[in-house]
Amino acid sequence: MHPSLRLSPLALLLVALPACSSDSPQEANMKAGLGVLDQMVAALEKVSSKETAQKAVETIKGLVPQMKKLAEAGKSLGEPAKELEAKYKPQMEALQKRMLEAMGKLMSYPEEAEAIGKAMQEADFK
C-alpha cells in the first residue's frame, strides 16, 4: 500500500466518533461522521480513470474540514457508550472494508493516491 494512504486519520475518526448515547449529541455526531466517511468512500469507489481519481481527490479535500470538525466534537464528547459503539460497529467495519477495497483500486493512479493520502493527513485528528 502506498505510504501516503495511511489509515490513521480514518482509524482516529472511527475511534472519536463513537462517543455516543441514543438520541444524544454524541449519536448525532456519530451519524454525521459516518455520513462523511460514506461520502469519502463513495468518491473512492467511483475511481475508474485518472479523471475520476482526480475528482475523488477534490471530493476528499472538500470533506477534510467536516472530518476535522466532527473529530474535534467527538473528542470533546468523551468516551463512547458501549451500547452505541456496538450498535454502529458493523456500519463502521463495513465502511472500513469498502475504504480498503477502494484504496486498492486507487493504486493504479499513484499521483492521485498521493494527493488523497495528503488530504487525509490534513485531517490530522491527533
Protein backbone atom coordinates (compact mmCIF):
# COMPACT_ATOMS: atom_id res chain seq x y z
CA MET A 1 0.00 0.00 0.00
CA HIS A 2 1.21 3.49 -0.80
CA PRO A 3 2.68 5.06 2.38
CA SER A 4 0.72 8.28 1.94
CA LEU A 5 -2.55 6.34 2.22
CA ARG A 6 -2.22 5.63 5.89
CA LEU A 7 -5.45 4.74 7.59
CA SER A 8 -4.55 6.51 10.83
CA PRO A 9 -6.82 9.51 10.15
CA LEU A 10 -9.68 7.14 9.32
CA ALA A 11 -8.95 4.98 12.34
CA LEU A 12 -8.79 8.00 14.61
CA LEU A 13 -12.05 9.33 13.23
CA LEU A 14 -13.73 5.97 13.79
CA VAL A 15 -12.45 5.98 17.37
CA ALA A 16 -13.51 9.58 18.00
CA LEU A 17 -16.99 9.25 16.53
CA PRO A 18 -18.45 6.50 18.74
CA ALA A 19 -18.72 8.79 21.77
CA CYS A 20 -22.47 8.32 21.80
CA SER A 21 -25.74 7.57 23.56
CA SER A 22 -29.18 7.26 21.96
CA ASP A 23 -30.66 10.50 20.56
CA SER A 24 -27.81 12.44 22.11
CA PRO A 25 -25.38 14.93 20.61
CA GLN A 26 -22.87 12.07 20.58
CA GLU A 27 -25.09 9.88 18.41
CA ALA A 28 -25.87 12.76 16.07
CA ASN A 29 -22.14 13.39 15.73
CA MET A 30 -21.53 9.72 15.02
CA LYS A 31 -24.21 9.58 12.34
CA ALA A 32 -22.82 12.71 10.72
CA GLY A 33 -19.32 11.25 10.81
CA LEU A 34 -20.46 8.02 9.24
CA GLY A 35 -22.18 10.06 6.54
CA VAL A 36 -18.98 11.95 5.76
CA LEU A 37 -17.00 8.72 5.67
CA ASP A 38 -19.58 7.21 3.36
CA GLN A 39 -19.19 10.20 1.00
CA MET A 40 -15.43 9.77 1.04
CA VAL A 41 -15.65 6.04 0.34
CA ALA A 42 -18.24 6.59 -2.39
CA ALA A 43 -15.88 9.04 -4.11
CA LEU A 44 -13.07 6.49 -3.98
CA GLU A 45 -15.31 3.72 -5.27
CA LYS A 46 -16.03 5.75 -8.42
CA VAL A 47 -12.36 5.78 -9.42
CA SER A 48 -12.01 4.13 -12.81
CA SER A 49 -9.70 6.53 -14.63
CA LYS A 50 -7.21 9.28 -13.98
CA GLU A 51 -10.04 11.83 -14.32
CA THR A 52 -12.32 10.12 -11.80
CA ALA A 53 -9.33 9.71 -9.47
CA GLN A 54 -8.78 13.47 -9.63
CA LYS A 55 -12.47 14.04 -8.84
CA ALA A 56 -12.05 11.80 -5.79
CA VAL A 57 -9.08 13.93 -4.69
CA GLU A 58 -11.21 17.07 -4.87
CA THR A 59 -14.12 15.44 -3.05
CA ILE A 60 -11.91 14.26 -0.21
CA LYS A 61 -10.19 17.64 0.08
CA GLY A 62 -13.65 19.16 0.37
CA LEU A 63 -14.58 16.75 3.16
CA VAL A 64 -11.47 17.39 5.28
CA PRO A 65 -12.94 20.41 7.16
CA GLN A 66 -16.05 18.40 8.07
CA MET A 67 -13.91 15.46 9.16
CA LYS A 68 -11.83 17.71 11.40
CA LYS A 69 -14.90 19.34 12.94
CA LEU A 70 -16.58 16.01 13.67
CA ALA A 71 -13.41 14.50 15.13
CA GLU A 72 -12.97 17.51 17.42
CA ALA A 73 -16.60 17.27 18.51
CA GLY A 74 -16.19 13.53 19.14
CA LYS A 75 -13.15 14.15 21.34
CA SER A 76 -15.00 16.76 23.40
CA LEU A 77 -17.94 14.40 23.94
CA GLY A 78 -15.85 11.87 25.85
CA GLU A 79 -15.59 8.09 25.86
CA PRO A 80 -18.03 6.14 23.72
CA ALA A 81 -21.01 4.45 25.31
CA LYS A 82 -20.59 0.69 24.90
CA GLU A 83 -24.13 0.28 23.53
CA LEU A 84 -23.59 2.79 20.73
CA GLU A 85 -20.16 1.50 19.97
CA ALA A 86 -21.73 -1.93 19.49
CA LYS A 87 -24.70 -0.51 17.56
CA TYR A 88 -22.52 1.24 14.97
CA LYS A 89 -19.63 -1.22 14.88
CA PRO A 90 -21.00 -3.19 11.88
CA GLN A 91 -21.52 0.01 9.88
CA MET A 92 -18.03 1.29 10.77
CA GLU A 93 -16.44 -2.03 9.85
CA ALA A 94 -18.32 -2.10 6.53
CA LEU A 95 -17.11 1.42 5.71
CA GLN A 96 -13.55 0.49 6.59
CA LYS A 97 -13.73 -2.60 4.36
CA ARG A 98 -15.14 -0.56 1.46
CA MET A 99 -12.41 2.04 2.03
CA LEU A 100 -9.64 -0.55 1.85
CA GLU A 101 -11.07 -2.06 -1.33
CA ALA A 102 -11.46 1.35 -2.98
CA MET A 103 -7.96 2.41 -1.98
CA GLY A 104 -6.61 -0.76 -3.54
CA LYS A 105 -8.08 0.29 -6.91
CA LEU A 106 -6.61 3.75 -6.46
CA MET A 107 -3.08 2.34 -6.54
CA SER A 108 -3.34 2.38 -10.36
CA TYR A 109 -3.25 6.19 -10.12
CA PRO A 110 -0.18 6.97 -7.97
CA GLU A 111 -0.30 10.77 -8.24
CA GLU A 112 -3.94 10.88 -7.20
CA ALA A 113 -3.32 8.28 -4.48
CA GLU A 114 -0.62 10.51 -3.06
CA ALA A 115 -2.88 13.57 -3.20
CA ILE A 116 -5.66 11.67 -1.41
CA GLY A 117 -3.19 10.49 1.23
CA LYS A 118 -2.05 14.07 1.80
CA ALA A 119 -5.65 15.29 2.05
CA MET A 120 -6.38 12.61 4.63
CA GLN A 121 -3.27 13.60 6.58
CA GLU A 122 -4.51 17.21 6.60
CA ALA A 123 -7.42 15.92 8.65
CA ASP A 124 -4.92 15.05 11.39
CA PHE A 125 -7.13 14.04 14.28
CA LYS A 126 -4.36 13.79 16.89
